[in-house]
N, C-alpha and C. Protein backbone atom coordinates (compact mmCIF):
# COMPACT_ATOMS: atom_id res chain seq x y z
N UNK A 1 3.96 16.15 10.34
CA UNK A 1 2.54 16.51 10.38
C UNK A 1 2.05 16.98 9.02
N UNK A 2 2.83 17.83 8.36
CA UNK A 2 2.42 18.34 7.05
C UNK A 2 2.32 17.20 6.04
N UNK A 3 3.28 16.27 6.10
CA UNK A 3 3.25 15.13 5.18
C UNK A 3 2.03 14.26 5.43
N UNK A 4 1.67 14.09 6.70
CA UNK A 4 0.47 13.30 7.02
C UNK A 4 -0.76 13.95 6.40
N UNK A 5 -0.84 15.26 6.49
CA UNK A 5 -1.99 15.97 5.90
C UNK A 5 -2.01 15.82 4.38
N UNK A 6 -0.84 15.87 3.75
CA UNK A 6 -0.77 15.67 2.30
C UNK A 6 -1.28 14.28 1.91
N UNK A 7 -0.88 13.28 2.67
CA UNK A 7 -1.32 11.92 2.39
C UNK A 7 -2.83 11.80 2.61
N UNK A 8 -3.31 12.32 3.72
CA UNK A 8 -4.75 12.22 4.02
C UNK A 8 -5.59 12.96 2.98
N UNK A 9 -5.17 14.16 2.63
CA UNK A 9 -5.93 14.96 1.66
C UNK A 9 -5.95 14.29 0.30
N UNK A 10 -4.81 13.79 -0.14
CA UNK A 10 -4.76 13.13 -1.45
C UNK A 10 -5.55 11.82 -1.42
N UNK A 11 -5.49 11.10 -0.32
CA UNK A 11 -6.23 9.84 -0.22
C UNK A 11 -7.74 10.10 -0.27
N UNK A 12 -8.18 11.19 0.31
CA UNK A 12 -9.61 11.53 0.27
C UNK A 12 -10.09 11.70 -1.17
N UNK A 13 -9.21 12.12 -2.05
CA UNK A 13 -9.56 12.26 -3.47
C UNK A 13 -9.61 10.91 -4.18
N UNK A 14 -8.87 9.95 -3.65
CA UNK A 14 -8.81 8.62 -4.26
C UNK A 14 -10.02 7.77 -3.87
N UNK A 15 -10.46 7.87 -2.63
CA UNK A 15 -11.50 6.97 -2.11
C UNK A 15 -12.78 6.90 -2.95
N UNK A 16 -13.29 8.00 -3.49
CA UNK A 16 -14.53 7.89 -4.28
C UNK A 16 -14.39 6.99 -5.52
N UNK A 17 -13.20 6.79 -6.00
CA UNK A 17 -12.96 5.94 -7.17
C UNK A 17 -12.05 4.76 -6.81
N UNK A 18 -12.18 4.29 -5.59
CA UNK A 18 -11.24 3.28 -5.08
C UNK A 18 -11.27 1.97 -5.86
N UNK A 19 -12.43 1.57 -6.39
CA UNK A 19 -12.48 0.33 -7.16
C UNK A 19 -11.61 0.42 -8.41
N UNK A 20 -11.72 1.56 -9.11
CA UNK A 20 -10.91 1.76 -10.32
C UNK A 20 -9.43 1.88 -9.96
N UNK A 21 -9.14 2.54 -8.84
CA UNK A 21 -7.75 2.70 -8.41
C UNK A 21 -7.15 1.34 -8.06
N UNK A 22 -7.91 0.49 -7.39
CA UNK A 22 -7.42 -0.84 -7.05
C UNK A 22 -7.11 -1.64 -8.32
N UNK A 23 -8.00 -1.55 -9.29
CA UNK A 23 -7.79 -2.26 -10.56
C UNK A 23 -6.54 -1.74 -11.27
N UNK A 24 -6.37 -0.44 -11.28
CA UNK A 24 -5.19 0.18 -11.89
C UNK A 24 -3.92 -0.28 -11.16
N UNK A 25 -3.97 -0.30 -9.82
CA UNK A 25 -2.83 -0.72 -9.01
C UNK A 25 -2.41 -2.16 -9.35
N UNK A 26 -3.38 -3.08 -9.30
CA UNK A 26 -3.02 -4.48 -9.55
C UNK A 26 -2.56 -4.70 -10.99
N UNK A 27 -3.15 -3.97 -11.93
CA UNK A 27 -2.68 -4.05 -13.31
C UNK A 27 -1.22 -3.66 -13.42
N UNK A 28 -0.84 -2.58 -12.75
CA UNK A 28 0.55 -2.11 -12.77
C UNK A 28 1.45 -3.09 -12.02
N UNK A 29 0.99 -3.59 -10.88
CA UNK A 29 1.79 -4.53 -10.09
C UNK A 29 2.14 -5.76 -10.91
N UNK A 30 1.14 -6.33 -11.60
CA UNK A 30 1.38 -7.55 -12.38
C UNK A 30 2.17 -7.26 -13.65
N UNK A 31 2.11 -6.03 -14.13
CA UNK A 31 2.95 -5.62 -15.26
C UNK A 31 4.41 -5.55 -14.81
N UNK A 32 4.65 -5.01 -13.62
CA UNK A 32 6.01 -4.89 -13.10
C UNK A 32 6.60 -6.25 -12.76
N UNK A 33 5.77 -7.15 -12.22
CA UNK A 33 6.25 -8.48 -11.84
C UNK A 33 5.12 -9.50 -12.02
N UNK A 34 5.02 -10.09 -13.21
CA UNK A 34 3.93 -11.04 -13.48
C UNK A 34 3.89 -12.23 -12.51
N UNK A 35 5.03 -12.57 -11.91
CA UNK A 35 5.05 -13.72 -11.00
C UNK A 35 4.21 -13.47 -9.74
N UNK A 36 3.96 -12.21 -9.42
CA UNK A 36 3.17 -11.90 -8.22
C UNK A 36 1.70 -12.28 -8.38
N UNK A 37 1.24 -12.39 -9.61
CA UNK A 37 -0.17 -12.68 -9.85
C UNK A 37 -0.59 -14.00 -9.19
N UNK A 38 0.33 -14.96 -9.13
CA UNK A 38 0.00 -16.27 -8.55
C UNK A 38 -0.23 -16.20 -7.04
N UNK A 39 0.19 -15.10 -6.40
CA UNK A 39 -0.01 -14.96 -4.96
C UNK A 39 -1.41 -14.50 -4.60
N UNK A 40 -2.19 -14.12 -5.61
CA UNK A 40 -3.49 -13.51 -5.35
C UNK A 40 -4.64 -14.43 -5.75
N UNK A 41 -5.81 -14.22 -5.12
CA UNK A 41 -6.98 -15.03 -5.45
C UNK A 41 -7.53 -14.66 -6.82
N UNK A 42 -8.43 -15.51 -7.32
CA UNK A 42 -9.06 -15.23 -8.62
C UNK A 42 -9.95 -14.00 -8.56
N UNK A 43 -10.61 -13.78 -7.42
CA UNK A 43 -11.53 -12.65 -7.29
C UNK A 43 -10.77 -11.38 -6.92
N UNK A 44 -10.29 -10.70 -7.94
CA UNK A 44 -9.48 -9.50 -7.69
C UNK A 44 -10.33 -8.30 -7.28
N UNK A 45 -11.63 -8.32 -7.59
CA UNK A 45 -12.49 -7.22 -7.14
C UNK A 45 -12.53 -7.20 -5.61
N UNK A 46 -12.75 -8.35 -5.02
CA UNK A 46 -12.79 -8.44 -3.56
C UNK A 46 -11.41 -8.10 -2.97
N UNK A 47 -10.36 -8.60 -3.60
CA UNK A 47 -9.00 -8.29 -3.15
C UNK A 47 -8.76 -6.79 -3.21
N UNK A 48 -9.21 -6.15 -4.27
CA UNK A 48 -9.07 -4.70 -4.41
C UNK A 48 -9.78 -3.94 -3.31
N UNK A 49 -10.99 -4.40 -2.98
CA UNK A 49 -11.74 -3.75 -1.88
C UNK A 49 -10.99 -3.90 -0.56
N UNK A 50 -10.44 -5.08 -0.32
CA UNK A 50 -9.67 -5.31 0.91
C UNK A 50 -8.45 -4.38 0.97
N UNK A 51 -7.76 -4.25 -0.16
CA UNK A 51 -6.58 -3.38 -0.21
C UNK A 51 -6.96 -1.93 0.10
N UNK A 52 -8.01 -1.44 -0.54
CA UNK A 52 -8.42 -0.05 -0.34
C UNK A 52 -8.87 0.19 1.10
N UNK A 53 -9.56 -0.79 1.67
CA UNK A 53 -10.01 -0.67 3.07
C UNK A 53 -8.79 -0.63 4.00
N UNK A 54 -7.81 -1.48 3.73
CA UNK A 54 -6.60 -1.53 4.56
C UNK A 54 -5.83 -0.22 4.46
N UNK A 55 -5.65 0.29 3.25
CA UNK A 55 -4.94 1.56 3.08
C UNK A 55 -5.71 2.68 3.75
N UNK A 56 -7.03 2.68 3.60
CA UNK A 56 -7.86 3.71 4.22
C UNK A 56 -7.68 3.72 5.74
N UNK A 57 -7.72 2.54 6.33
CA UNK A 57 -7.53 2.42 7.78
C UNK A 57 -6.15 2.93 8.19
N UNK A 58 -5.13 2.53 7.45
CA UNK A 58 -3.76 2.94 7.77
C UNK A 58 -3.57 4.44 7.59
N UNK A 59 -4.15 5.02 6.54
CA UNK A 59 -4.05 6.47 6.32
C UNK A 59 -4.73 7.22 7.45
N UNK A 60 -5.92 6.76 7.83
CA UNK A 60 -6.66 7.45 8.89
C UNK A 60 -5.99 7.34 10.25
N UNK A 61 -5.10 6.37 10.41
CA UNK A 61 -4.40 6.17 11.68
C UNK A 61 -3.00 6.79 11.69
N UNK A 62 -2.65 7.55 10.67
CA UNK A 62 -1.29 8.10 10.60
C UNK A 62 -0.96 9.00 11.78
N UNK A 63 -1.96 9.60 12.39
CA UNK A 63 -1.72 10.43 13.57
C UNK A 63 -1.47 9.60 14.82
N UNK A 64 -1.75 8.30 14.73
CA UNK A 64 -1.64 7.41 15.88
C UNK A 64 -0.92 6.12 15.47
N UNK A 65 0.30 6.26 15.00
CA UNK A 65 1.04 5.11 14.48
C UNK A 65 1.21 4.01 15.51
N UNK A 66 1.34 4.38 16.78
CA UNK A 66 1.51 3.38 17.82
C UNK A 66 0.30 2.46 17.92
N UNK A 67 -0.87 2.99 17.57
CA UNK A 67 -2.09 2.19 17.65
C UNK A 67 -2.22 1.22 16.48
N UNK A 68 -1.73 1.61 15.32
CA UNK A 68 -1.90 0.76 14.14
C UNK A 68 -0.69 -0.14 13.87
N UNK A 69 0.44 0.16 14.48
CA UNK A 69 1.66 -0.64 14.24
C UNK A 69 1.44 -2.14 14.45
N UNK A 70 0.76 -2.56 15.54
CA UNK A 70 0.55 -4.01 15.71
C UNK A 70 -0.23 -4.65 14.55
N UNK A 71 -1.20 -3.93 14.01
CA UNK A 71 -1.97 -4.46 12.88
C UNK A 71 -1.10 -4.57 11.63
N UNK A 72 -0.22 -3.59 11.44
CA UNK A 72 0.69 -3.62 10.29
C UNK A 72 1.69 -4.77 10.45
N UNK A 73 2.18 -4.97 11.68
CA UNK A 73 3.09 -6.08 11.95
C UNK A 73 2.41 -7.42 11.68
N UNK A 74 1.16 -7.55 12.14
CA UNK A 74 0.42 -8.80 11.92
C UNK A 74 0.22 -9.07 10.44
N UNK A 75 -0.01 -8.02 9.68
CA UNK A 75 -0.16 -8.18 8.23
C UNK A 75 1.16 -8.67 7.62
N UNK A 76 2.27 -8.13 8.08
CA UNK A 76 3.57 -8.58 7.60
C UNK A 76 3.80 -10.05 7.90
N UNK A 77 3.39 -10.47 9.10
CA UNK A 77 3.53 -11.87 9.49
C UNK A 77 2.68 -12.77 8.58
N UNK A 78 1.45 -12.34 8.30
CA UNK A 78 0.56 -13.13 7.43
C UNK A 78 1.11 -13.22 6.02
N UNK A 79 1.75 -12.17 5.55
CA UNK A 79 2.25 -12.16 4.18
C UNK A 79 3.39 -13.16 3.96
N UNK A 80 4.07 -13.58 5.02
CA UNK A 80 5.08 -14.63 4.90
C UNK A 80 4.41 -15.91 4.40
N UNK A 81 3.27 -16.24 5.00
CA UNK A 81 2.55 -17.45 4.62
C UNK A 81 2.02 -17.38 3.18
N UNK A 82 1.78 -16.17 2.70
CA UNK A 82 1.30 -16.00 1.32
C UNK A 82 2.42 -16.14 0.30
N UNK A 83 3.67 -16.17 0.78
CA UNK A 83 4.80 -16.31 -0.12
C UNK A 83 5.41 -14.99 -0.55
N UNK A 84 5.08 -13.91 0.16
CA UNK A 84 5.62 -12.59 -0.18
C UNK A 84 7.08 -12.52 0.27
N UNK A 85 7.95 -12.02 -0.62
CA UNK A 85 9.37 -11.86 -0.31
C UNK A 85 9.67 -10.39 -0.06
N UNK A 86 10.79 -10.12 0.57
CA UNK A 86 11.17 -8.75 0.90
C UNK A 86 11.17 -7.81 -0.28
N UNK A 87 11.71 -8.27 -1.41
CA UNK A 87 11.80 -7.39 -2.58
C UNK A 87 10.42 -7.08 -3.18
N UNK A 88 9.43 -7.92 -2.87
CA UNK A 88 8.08 -7.67 -3.39
C UNK A 88 7.51 -6.36 -2.85
N UNK A 89 7.93 -5.98 -1.66
CA UNK A 89 7.44 -4.73 -1.08
C UNK A 89 7.88 -3.53 -1.92
N UNK A 90 9.07 -3.61 -2.50
CA UNK A 90 9.55 -2.52 -3.37
C UNK A 90 8.68 -2.41 -4.62
N UNK A 91 8.31 -3.56 -5.17
CA UNK A 91 7.47 -3.58 -6.36
C UNK A 91 6.09 -3.01 -6.04
N UNK A 92 5.54 -3.40 -4.90
CA UNK A 92 4.24 -2.88 -4.46
C UNK A 92 4.32 -1.37 -4.29
N UNK A 93 5.40 -0.89 -3.68
CA UNK A 93 5.57 0.55 -3.49
C UNK A 93 5.63 1.29 -4.81
N UNK A 94 6.36 0.73 -5.77
CA UNK A 94 6.46 1.36 -7.09
C UNK A 94 5.08 1.42 -7.76
N UNK A 95 4.33 0.32 -7.66
CA UNK A 95 2.99 0.28 -8.26
C UNK A 95 2.05 1.26 -7.56
N UNK A 96 2.16 1.35 -6.24
CA UNK A 96 1.29 2.26 -5.48
C UNK A 96 1.55 3.72 -5.86
N UNK A 97 2.81 4.11 -5.86
CA UNK A 97 3.16 5.50 -6.18
C UNK A 97 2.75 5.84 -7.62
N UNK A 98 2.99 4.91 -8.55
CA UNK A 98 2.58 5.13 -9.94
C UNK A 98 1.07 5.31 -10.03
N UNK A 99 0.33 4.42 -9.34
CA UNK A 99 -1.14 4.46 -9.38
C UNK A 99 -1.67 5.77 -8.83
N UNK A 100 -1.12 6.21 -7.71
CA UNK A 100 -1.56 7.49 -7.13
C UNK A 100 -1.30 8.63 -8.09
N UNK A 101 -0.15 8.59 -8.74
CA UNK A 101 0.18 9.62 -9.72
C UNK A 101 -0.80 9.64 -10.88
N UNK A 102 -1.18 8.46 -11.34
CA UNK A 102 -2.15 8.37 -12.44
C UNK A 102 -3.50 8.93 -12.02
N UNK A 103 -3.94 8.56 -10.83
CA UNK A 103 -5.27 8.96 -10.38
C UNK A 103 -5.33 10.44 -10.01
N UNK A 104 -4.31 10.93 -9.34
CA UNK A 104 -4.35 12.31 -8.82
C UNK A 104 -3.91 13.34 -9.85
N UNK A 105 -3.21 12.91 -10.88
CA UNK A 105 -2.82 13.84 -11.94
C UNK A 105 -1.96 14.99 -11.43
N UNK A 106 -2.34 16.21 -11.78
CA UNK A 106 -1.55 17.40 -11.42
C UNK A 106 -1.47 17.63 -9.92
N UNK A 107 -2.43 17.10 -9.16
CA UNK A 107 -2.38 17.30 -7.71
C UNK A 107 -1.38 16.36 -7.04
N UNK A 108 -0.80 15.43 -7.81
CA UNK A 108 0.24 14.55 -7.28
C UNK A 108 1.59 15.26 -7.45
N UNK A 109 1.79 16.27 -6.61
CA UNK A 109 2.99 17.10 -6.67
C UNK A 109 4.19 16.33 -6.12
N UNK A 110 5.36 16.92 -6.25
CA UNK A 110 6.58 16.31 -5.71
C UNK A 110 6.46 16.12 -4.20
N UNK A 111 5.84 17.09 -3.51
CA UNK A 111 5.67 16.98 -2.06
C UNK A 111 4.73 15.85 -1.69
N UNK A 112 3.64 15.70 -2.45
CA UNK A 112 2.69 14.62 -2.19
C UNK A 112 3.36 13.27 -2.45
N UNK A 113 4.12 13.18 -3.54
CA UNK A 113 4.83 11.94 -3.87
C UNK A 113 5.82 11.58 -2.76
N UNK A 114 6.56 12.55 -2.28
CA UNK A 114 7.53 12.30 -1.21
C UNK A 114 6.82 11.84 0.06
N UNK A 115 5.70 12.49 0.39
CA UNK A 115 4.95 12.12 1.59
C UNK A 115 4.46 10.68 1.49
N UNK A 116 3.90 10.31 0.35
CA UNK A 116 3.43 8.94 0.16
C UNK A 116 4.59 7.95 0.19
N UNK A 117 5.71 8.32 -0.40
CA UNK A 117 6.88 7.43 -0.41
C UNK A 117 7.35 7.16 1.01
N UNK A 118 7.35 8.18 1.84
CA UNK A 118 7.79 8.01 3.24
C UNK A 118 6.80 7.17 4.03
N UNK A 119 5.51 7.43 3.83
CA UNK A 119 4.48 6.66 4.54
C UNK A 119 4.56 5.19 4.12
N UNK A 120 4.67 4.94 2.82
CA UNK A 120 4.76 3.56 2.37
C UNK A 120 6.03 2.90 2.90
N UNK A 121 7.12 3.62 2.93
CA UNK A 121 8.38 3.06 3.46
C UNK A 121 8.21 2.64 4.91
N UNK A 122 7.47 3.43 5.68
CA UNK A 122 7.21 3.06 7.08
C UNK A 122 6.37 1.79 7.14
N UNK A 123 5.26 1.76 6.37
CA UNK A 123 4.40 0.58 6.37
C UNK A 123 5.18 -0.66 5.95
N UNK A 124 5.91 -0.56 4.84
CA UNK A 124 6.65 -1.71 4.31
C UNK A 124 7.75 -2.14 5.28
N UNK A 125 8.45 -1.17 5.86
CA UNK A 125 9.50 -1.49 6.82
C UNK A 125 8.96 -2.23 8.03
N UNK A 126 7.81 -1.79 8.51
CA UNK A 126 7.17 -2.44 9.66
C UNK A 126 6.77 -3.86 9.31
N UNK A 127 6.19 -4.04 8.13
CA UNK A 127 5.76 -5.37 7.70
C UNK A 127 6.96 -6.29 7.47
N UNK A 128 8.02 -5.78 6.83
CA UNK A 128 9.20 -6.61 6.56
C UNK A 128 9.90 -7.02 7.86
N UNK A 129 9.94 -6.11 8.81
CA UNK A 129 10.56 -6.42 10.10
C UNK A 129 9.80 -7.54 10.81
N UNK A 130 8.48 -7.45 10.80
CA UNK A 130 7.66 -8.49 11.43
C UNK A 130 7.80 -9.81 10.68
N UNK A 131 7.85 -9.74 9.35
CA UNK A 131 7.99 -10.94 8.54
C UNK A 131 9.32 -11.63 8.81
N UNK A 132 10.36 -10.85 9.00
CA UNK A 132 11.69 -11.41 9.25
C UNK A 132 11.72 -12.19 10.57
N UNK A 133 10.97 -11.70 11.56
CA UNK A 133 10.91 -12.40 12.86
C UNK A 133 10.22 -13.75 12.71
N UNK A 134 9.18 -13.80 11.89
CA UNK A 134 8.45 -15.05 11.67
C UNK A 134 9.32 -16.04 10.90
N UNK A 135 10.02 -15.54 9.90
CA UNK A 135 10.84 -16.40 9.04
C UNK A 135 12.10 -16.90 9.74
N UNK A 136 12.51 -16.21 10.80
CA UNK A 136 13.76 -16.57 11.49
C UNK A 136 13.62 -17.85 12.30
């Protein structure tokens, strides 16, 4: 519960500047793995808005994981068709945590980082599990 509150509180600080955060995230993602850039559309502004909306929905549903799990699973299934591989989730996680740290600055404490790492691990694990079923 405390970790959920840390994630929600920190995310509330990110949302007012979500366009810049999305741009920062994708810049870091493509720096970490330039090959991922080919998986994305040319219009990265729209892609960034979709990402922020998806994260916002998932963060707001952290108290009700059973309700959002099917949507996260469906996203994992769709990402198979996009060419996303299992290891790409690790790169996305690294870029996300780095981006949050850049945006939140001093308020991105060790506890906040751990909370986000755990939440992302749940999201990524759910998506990878669903993707594996599709690929099998």
